[in-house]
Protein backbone atom coordinates (compact mmCIF):
# COMPACT_ATOMS: atom_id res chain seq x y z
CA UNK A 1 -26.52 2.62 -9.57
CA UNK A 2 -23.77 2.10 -12.16
CA UNK A 3 -20.32 3.63 -11.74
CA UNK A 4 -19.35 6.88 -13.49
CA UNK A 5 -16.71 5.03 -15.54
CA UNK A 6 -17.06 1.34 -16.40
CA UNK A 7 -14.51 -0.53 -18.50
CA UNK A 8 -15.62 -4.04 -19.49
CA UNK A 9 -13.32 -6.64 -21.10
CA UNK A 10 -11.33 -3.95 -22.95
CA UNK A 11 -8.91 -5.28 -25.57
CA UNK A 12 -6.59 -3.00 -27.55
CA UNK A 13 -4.49 -4.85 -30.12
CA UNK A 14 -2.12 -3.44 -32.76
CA UNK A 15 -1.38 -5.45 -35.92
CA UNK A 16 2.32 -5.12 -36.88
CA UNK A 17 4.63 -6.84 -39.36
CA UNK A 18 6.10 -8.86 -36.49
CA UNK A 19 2.72 -10.00 -35.19
CA UNK A 20 -0.24 -8.83 -33.09
CA UNK A 21 0.69 -6.60 -30.14
CA UNK A 22 -1.78 -7.36 -27.33
CA UNK A 23 -1.26 -4.13 -25.41
CA UNK A 24 -4.46 -4.46 -23.36
CA UNK A 25 -5.99 -7.92 -23.16
CA UNK A 26 -9.31 -8.11 -21.35
CA UNK A 27 -9.26 -5.32 -18.77
CA UNK A 28 -12.27 -4.48 -16.57
CA UNK A 29 -12.69 -1.94 -13.77
CA UNK A 30 -15.09 0.70 -12.39
CA UNK A 31 -14.60 4.17 -10.97
CA UNK A 32 -16.98 6.45 -9.06
CA UNK A 33 -17.03 10.25 -9.02
CA UNK A 34 -14.73 11.67 -6.36
CA UNK A 35 -12.65 8.46 -6.20
CA UNK A 36 -9.10 7.76 -7.36
CA UNK A 37 -7.86 4.62 -9.11
CA UNK A 38 -4.12 3.98 -9.35
CA UNK A 39 -2.97 1.84 -12.29
CA UNK A 40 0.56 0.53 -11.73
CA UNK A 41 2.98 -1.67 -13.61
CA UNK A 42 6.31 -1.64 -15.40
CA UNK A 43 6.86 0.01 -18.79
CA UNK A 44 5.06 -1.94 -21.51
CA UNK A 45 2.36 -3.38 -19.24
CA UNK A 46 -0.45 -1.55 -21.08
CA UNK A 47 -1.14 1.32 -18.66
CA UNK A 48 -0.85 4.28 -21.03
CA UNK A 49 -2.53 2.43 -23.92
CA UNK A 50 -5.52 1.90 -21.60
CA UNK A 51 -5.78 5.63 -20.84
CA UNK A 52 -5.54 6.61 -24.51
CA UNK A 53 -8.23 4.03 -25.29
CA UNK A 54 -10.61 5.58 -22.74
CA UNK A 55 -10.03 9.02 -24.30
CA UNK A 56 -10.70 7.64 -27.78
CA UNK A 57 -7.22 8.57 -29.00
CA UNK A 58 -6.77 5.21 -30.78
CA UNK A 59 -9.89 5.78 -32.89
CA UNK A 60 -9.19 6.11 -36.58
CA UNK A 61 -5.75 4.50 -36.18
CA UNK A 62 -4.59 0.91 -36.70
CA UNK A 63 -5.62 -0.26 -33.24
CA UNK A 64 -8.35 -2.88 -32.88
CA UNK A 65 -10.57 -2.05 -29.90
CA UNK A 66 -13.17 -4.41 -28.48
CA UNK A 67 -15.10 -4.46 -25.22
CA UNK A 68 -17.05 -1.60 -23.66
CA UNK A 69 -16.17 1.76 -22.11
CA UNK A 70 -19.12 3.45 -20.37
CA UNK A 71 -18.71 7.06 -19.25
CA UNK A 72 -21.67 8.47 -17.33
CA UNK A 73 -24.05 6.12 -19.14
CA UNK A 74 -22.57 6.64 -22.65
CA UNK A 75 -20.72 3.86 -24.48
CA UNK A 76 -17.55 5.24 -26.09
CA UNK A 77 -16.10 2.46 -28.25
CA UNK A 78 -19.21 2.42 -30.46
CA UNK A 79 -19.54 6.22 -30.48
CA UNK A 80 -18.44 8.36 -33.44
CA UNK A 81 -15.01 10.00 -33.46
CA UNK A 82 -16.67 13.42 -33.50
CA UNK A 83 -18.79 12.68 -30.42
CA UNK A 84 -15.80 11.37 -28.44
CA UNK A 85 -13.82 14.46 -29.49
CA UNK A 86 -16.58 16.66 -28.05
CA UNK A 87 -16.37 14.77 -24.75
CA UNK A 88 -12.58 15.22 -24.54
CA UNK A 89 -11.76 18.30 -22.53
CA UNK A 90 -15.30 18.84 -21.25
CA UNK A 91 -16.21 15.43 -19.82
CA UNK A 92 -12.78 13.80 -19.65
CA UNK A 93 -9.24 15.16 -19.85
CA UNK A 94 -5.67 13.95 -19.54
CA UNK A 95 -2.48 15.20 -17.94
CA UNK A 96 0.27 13.83 -20.15
CA UNK A 97 3.61 12.45 -18.99
CA UNK A 98 5.79 15.01 -20.75
CA UNK A 99 4.21 18.48 -20.91
CA UNK A 100 7.02 19.83 -23.08
CA UNK A 101 6.06 17.48 -25.91
CA UNK A 102 2.32 17.58 -25.15
CA UNK A 103 2.14 21.40 -25.29
CA UNK A 104 2.69 23.25 -28.56
CA UNK A 105 6.07 25.05 -28.52
CA UNK A 106 4.92 27.86 -30.88
CA UNK A 107 1.98 29.07 -28.78
CA UNK A 108 1.96 30.64 -25.36
CA UNK A 109 0.66 28.60 -22.46
CA UNK A 110 -2.25 31.05 -22.09
CA UNK A 111 -3.21 30.76 -25.77
CA UNK A 112 -3.40 26.97 -25.45
CA UNK A 113 -5.62 27.14 -22.36
CA UNK A 114 -7.81 29.75 -24.10
CA UNK A 115 -8.22 27.48 -27.14
CA UNK A 116 -9.11 24.46 -24.99
CA UNK A 117 -11.68 26.52 -23.07
CA UNK A 118 -13.32 28.19 -26.10
CA UNK A 119 -13.85 24.86 -27.90
CA UNK A 120 -16.41 23.95 -25.21
CA UNK A 121 -17.63 27.40 -24.11
CA UNK A 122 -19.15 30.16 -26.23
CA UNK A 123 -17.18 33.05 -24.72
CA UNK A 124 -15.01 35.91 -25.97
CA UNK A 125 -11.23 35.72 -26.06
CA UNK A 126 -11.11 38.26 -23.23
CA UNK A 127 -13.27 36.10 -20.95
CA UNK A 128 -11.27 32.98 -21.87
CA UNK A 129 -7.98 34.81 -21.22
CA UNK A 130 -9.18 35.83 -17.74
CA UNK A 131 -10.17 32.20 -17.12
CA UNK A 132 -6.66 31.06 -18.20
CA UNK A 133 -5.07 33.49 -15.73
CA UNK A 134 -7.41 32.24 -12.97
CA UNK A 135 -6.55 28.61 -13.71
CA UNK A 136 -2.80 29.27 -13.66
CA UNK A 137 -3.19 31.02 -10.32
CA UNK A 138 -5.27 28.15 -9.01
CA UNK A 139 -2.56 25.58 -9.74
CA UNK A 140 0.03 27.67 -7.89
CA UNK A 141 1.88 29.45 -10.67
CA UNK A 142 3.17 32.80 -9.33
CA UNK A 143 2.34 36.00 -11.21
CA UNK A 144 -0.20 34.23 -13.46
CA UNK A 145 -1.19 37.43 -15.30
CA UNK A 146 2.40 37.71 -16.55
CA UNK A 147 3.23 34.02 -16.97
CA UNK A 148 0.10 33.45 -19.08
CA UNK A 149 1.98 35.00 -22.04
CA UNK A 150 5.09 32.82 -21.64
CA UNK A 151 5.92 29.83 -23.85
CA UNK A 152 6.23 26.27 -22.50
CA UNK A 153 10.04 26.29 -22.71
CA UNK A 154 10.11 29.32 -20.36
CA UNK A 155 8.59 27.24 -17.53
CA UNK A 156 10.54 24.89 -15.26
CA UNK A 157 9.54 21.20 -15.22
CA UNK A 158 7.30 21.56 -12.17
CA UNK A 159 5.67 24.76 -13.44
CA UNK A 160 5.11 23.18 -16.86
CA UNK A 161 3.35 20.26 -15.20
CA UNK A 162 1.16 22.73 -13.27
CA UNK A 163 0.33 24.52 -16.53
CA UNK A 164 -0.61 21.16 -18.06
CA UNK A 165 -2.91 20.49 -15.08
CA UNK A 166 -4.46 23.97 -15.51
CA UNK A 167 -5.16 23.18 -19.18
CA UNK A 168 -6.65 19.76 -18.37
CA UNK A 169 -8.88 21.27 -15.67
CA UNK A 170 -9.90 24.37 -17.65
CA UNK A 171 -13.29 22.88 -18.57
CA UNK A 172 -13.97 21.17 -15.19
CA UNK A 173 -13.76 17.59 -16.55
CA UNK A 174 -15.59 14.91 -14.60
CA UNK A 175 -12.90 12.30 -15.40
CA UNK A 176 -9.23 13.23 -15.17
CA UNK A 177 -6.49 10.81 -16.25
CA UNK A 178 -2.94 11.59 -15.13
CA UNK A 179 -0.26 9.59 -16.97
CA UNK A 180 2.93 9.54 -14.89
CA UNK A 181 2.16 13.08 -13.63
CA UNK A 182 5.29 13.38 -11.49
CA UNK A 183 7.92 11.57 -13.56
CA UNK A 184 11.22 13.51 -13.87
CA UNK A 185 10.22 15.99 -11.16
CA UNK A 186 12.22 16.28 -7.96
CA UNK A 187 10.58 14.89 -4.83
CA UNK A 188 9.51 18.21 -3.30
CA UNK A 189 7.81 19.26 -6.55
CA UNK A 190 6.29 15.76 -6.81
CA UNK A 191 4.69 16.20 -3.39
CA UNK A 192 3.33 19.64 -4.36
CA UNK A 193 1.82 18.28 -7.61
CA UNK A 194 0.18 15.36 -5.76
CA UNK A 195 -1.24 17.69 -3.09
CA UNK A 196 -2.53 19.98 -5.84
CA UNK A 197 -4.25 17.11 -7.66
CA UNK A 198 -5.86 15.91 -4.44
CA UNK A 199 -7.15 19.41 -3.61
CA UNK A 200 -8.48 20.02 -7.12
CA UNK A 201 -10.16 16.62 -7.19
CA UNK A 202 -11.98 17.46 -3.94
CA UNK A 203 -13.02 20.82 -5.38
CA UNK A 204 -14.35 19.42 -8.68
CA UNK A 205 -15.45 15.98 -7.31
CA UNK A 206 -13.92 14.44 -10.42
CA UNK A 207 -13.06 10.78 -10.92
CA UNK A 208 -9.27 10.45 -11.13
CA UNK A 209 -7.06 7.78 -12.69
CA UNK A 210 -3.35 7.95 -11.89
CA UNK A 211 -1.10 5.86 -14.13
CA UNK A 212 2.39 5.24 -12.77
CA UNK A 213 5.14 2.72 -12.12
CA UNK A 214 5.72 4.34 -8.71
CA UNK A 215 3.78 2.68 -5.90
CA UNK A 216 4.68 5.59 -3.61
CA UNK A 217 2.62 7.93 -5.80
CA UNK A 218 -0.50 5.75 -5.73
CA UNK A 219 -0.14 5.12 -1.99
CA UNK A 220 -0.47 8.86 -1.50
CA UNK A 221 -3.63 9.35 -3.54
CA UNK A 222 -5.51 6.20 -4.52
CA UNK A 223 -8.64 4.63 -3.10
CA UNK A 224 -8.17 1.50 -5.24
CA UNK A 225 -5.15 0.07 -7.06
CA UNK A 226 -5.07 -1.98 -10.26
CA UNK A 227 -1.78 -3.79 -10.95
CA UNK A 228 -1.14 -4.56 -14.65
CA UNK A 229 1.25 -7.07 -16.18
CA UNK A 230 1.45 -8.17 -19.80
CA UNK A 231 -1.71 -6.28 -20.75
CA UNK A 232 -3.86 -7.87 -18.03
CA UNK A 233 -4.99 -6.97 -14.53
CA UNK A 234 -3.20 -9.31 -12.14
CA UNK A 235 -4.31 -7.74 -8.84
CA UNK A 236 -7.04 -5.27 -7.93
CA UNK A 237 -8.18 -4.03 -4.56
CA UNK A 238 -8.31 -1.18 -2.09
CA UNK A 239 -5.02 0.66 -1.53
CA UNK A 240 -4.94 -0.80 1.97
CA UNK A 241 -5.31 -4.39 0.73
CA UNK A 242 -2.73 -4.04 -2.05
CA UNK A 243 -0.15 -2.44 0.26
CA UNK A 244 -0.65 -4.42 3.45
CA UNK A 245 -2.06 -7.75 2.22
CA UNK A 246 -0.89 -8.13 -1.41
CA UNK A 247 -1.41 -11.59 -2.86
CA UNK A 248 0.34 -11.66 -6.24
CA UNK A 249 4.09 -12.42 -6.48
CA UNK A 250 4.48 -9.55 -8.96
CA UNK A 251 2.97 -7.07 -6.49
CA UNK A 252 5.37 -8.42 -3.85
CA UNK A 253 8.19 -7.70 -6.28
CA UNK A 254 6.99 -4.13 -6.89
CA UNK A 255 6.83 -3.49 -3.14
CA UNK A 256 10.31 -4.97 -2.64
CA UNK A 257 11.82 -2.75 -5.32
CA UNK A 258 10.30 0.46 -3.92
CA UNK A 259 12.50 2.76 -1.79
CA UNK A 260 10.97 3.33 1.65
CA UNK A 261 11.52 6.46 3.75
CA UNK A 262 9.41 5.37 6.72
CA UNK A 263 12.04 2.98 8.08
CA UNK A 264 15.79 2.56 8.13
CA UNK A 265 16.99 0.50 5.18
CA UNK A 266 19.70 -2.04 5.96
CA UNK A 267 19.66 -4.03 2.73
CA UNK A 268 19.64 -3.24 -0.98
CA UNK A 269 16.37 -2.97 -2.91
CA UNK A 270 14.92 -6.30 -4.05
CA UNK A 271 14.47 -6.04 -7.83
CA UNK A 272 12.21 -8.37 -9.81
CA UNK A 273 14.44 -10.73 -11.79
CA UNK A 274 14.15 -10.73 -15.57
CA UNK A 275 12.39 -8.25 -17.87
CA UNK A 276 8.76 -7.52 -18.76
CA UNK A 277 7.36 -9.74 -21.54
CA UNK A 278 7.03 -8.78 -25.18
CA UNK A 279 3.38 -8.02 -25.89
CA UNK A 280 3.78 -9.76 -29.26
CA UNK A 281 5.04 -13.00 -27.67
CA UNK A 282 3.34 -13.00 -24.28
CA UNK A 283 4.45 -16.13 -22.38
CA UNK A 284 1.94 -18.98 -22.35
CA UNK A 285 -0.03 -19.63 -19.19
CA UNK A 286 0.58 -16.99 -16.52
CA UNK A 287 2.50 -14.17 -18.24
CA UNK A 288 4.58 -13.66 -15.08
CA UNK A 289 5.72 -17.31 -14.82
CA UNK A 290 9.21 -16.84 -16.41
CA UNK A 291 10.04 -14.36 -13.60
CA UNK A 292 8.07 -15.95 -10.76
CA UNK A 293 9.99 -17.80 -8.03
CA UNK A 294 6.94 -19.90 -7.07
CA UNK A 295 6.12 -21.74 -10.32
CA UNK A 296 7.17 -25.05 -8.74
CA UNK A 297 4.12 -24.78 -6.47
CA UNK A 298 1.51 -24.88 -9.26
CA UNK A 299 2.09 -28.35 -10.72
CA UNK A 300 3.03 -27.02 -14.16
CA UNK A 301 -0.14 -24.94 -14.54
CA UNK A 302 1.82 -21.66 -14.55
CA UNK A 303 3.30 -22.31 -17.99
CA UNK A 304 0.27 -23.94 -19.60
CA UNK A 305 -2.91 -22.35 -18.18
CA UNK A 306 -3.88 -18.66 -17.94
CA UNK A 307 -5.05 -18.05 -14.34
CA UNK A 308 -8.45 -16.44 -13.84
CA UNK A 309 -8.90 -13.15 -12.00
CA UNK A 310 -10.70 -14.37 -8.87
CA UNK A 311 -12.01 -12.63 -5.76
CA UNK A 312 -10.06 -13.60 -2.68
CA UNK A 313 -12.11 -11.43 -0.28
CA UNK A 314 -14.50 -8.47 -0.60
CA UNK A 315 -13.39 -6.56 -3.71
CA UNK A 316 -9.81 -7.93 -3.70
CA UNK A 317 -9.08 -9.75 -6.99
CA UNK A 318 -5.97 -11.78 -7.82
CA UNK A 319 -4.84 -13.68 -10.94
CA UNK A 320 -2.65 -16.51 -9.60
CA UNK A 321 -2.61 -20.34 -9.66
CA UNK A 322 -1.51 -20.65 -6.04
CA UNK A 323 -4.30 -21.04 -3.49
CA UNK A 324 -5.24 -18.10 -1.29
CA UNK A 325 -3.98 -19.93 1.82
CA UNK A 326 -0.62 -20.62 0.14
CA UNK A 327 -0.23 -16.99 -0.94
CA UNK A 328 -1.23 -15.74 2.52
CA UNK A 329 1.30 -18.06 4.22
CA UNK A 330 4.08 -16.98 1.83
CA UNK A 331 3.32 -13.30 2.46
CA UNK A 332 3.27 -13.63 6.24
CA UNK A 333 6.26 -15.96 6.64
CA UNK A 334 8.63 -15.13 3.76
CA UNK A 335 7.85 -11.87 1.97
CA UNK A 336 6.57 -9.47 4.65
CA UNK A 337 9.41 -10.14 7.14
CA UNK A 338 12.02 -9.48 4.40
CA UNK A 339 10.31 -6.25 3.29
CA UNK A 340 10.08 -5.05 6.89
CA UNK A 341 13.79 -5.54 7.52
CA UNK A 342 15.04 -4.34 4.14
């Protein structure tokens, strides 16, 4: 049986005056109903462009899309703009990073949920309004019958994010994509939003993609984790594998630069040296090689040859020129001990 969402060799390129921006460059993954995939990486790695590509929001623009996106047996890249638009909201929906810019400032929150609901359901305004109140109550907004008539700017950051979730869930989508759903929220509100998303996912049995740069967020929710760098997947596996037996030097760097609350920290965070690559001038060979401390172990292949994404054990994929034994030894002897004491 095929997965509910299948992305095969997805490429999303943008022609610009400075050159071709390879935002997503050959990405493949699958997601089942009721499961959560975390996509992590620094800014500019291609995470958000991937999500917009799945939703068909690059269609009709300057982007060049190739590959395949299958949603419940339907191929979306070859589908018409109108058909994909009909699927948005009903079959798939998105929680955007900044609800203040994603929601219309001139309309009440309730009016926007009503509009989203009535596009896909032949109901009266009264029925849709009651549904909007129910949804706001469901996502934990107090006094929903009163707040439904407020404007986005009258909500706090956390409440606005809840309203955005209510709007995204108003038509019971089977695929929900959350792009940095807890950015700029304080940690207690973050935890509430993550708990809410987990509960609602269980209730609707929806497939969930969480896009973030925060490994702590995906640790909380994800079944599988996909690590992106320079538009490509560089590591993919179960949350347990990626957290406790990571094999890519970039993933090691992400773990080292993540604050930990489960142990006493005696050292400073361990940032990844350098900056993410330009997607116009992606480094030759392994895109991570200018920042990687282990390039001397690959006999020059790092700078000249793009590593393949290979399976290292059941379902755990890594894109690295070092051998599995070498990576495993480095993790156990050099990286893990430092992370455990820092």
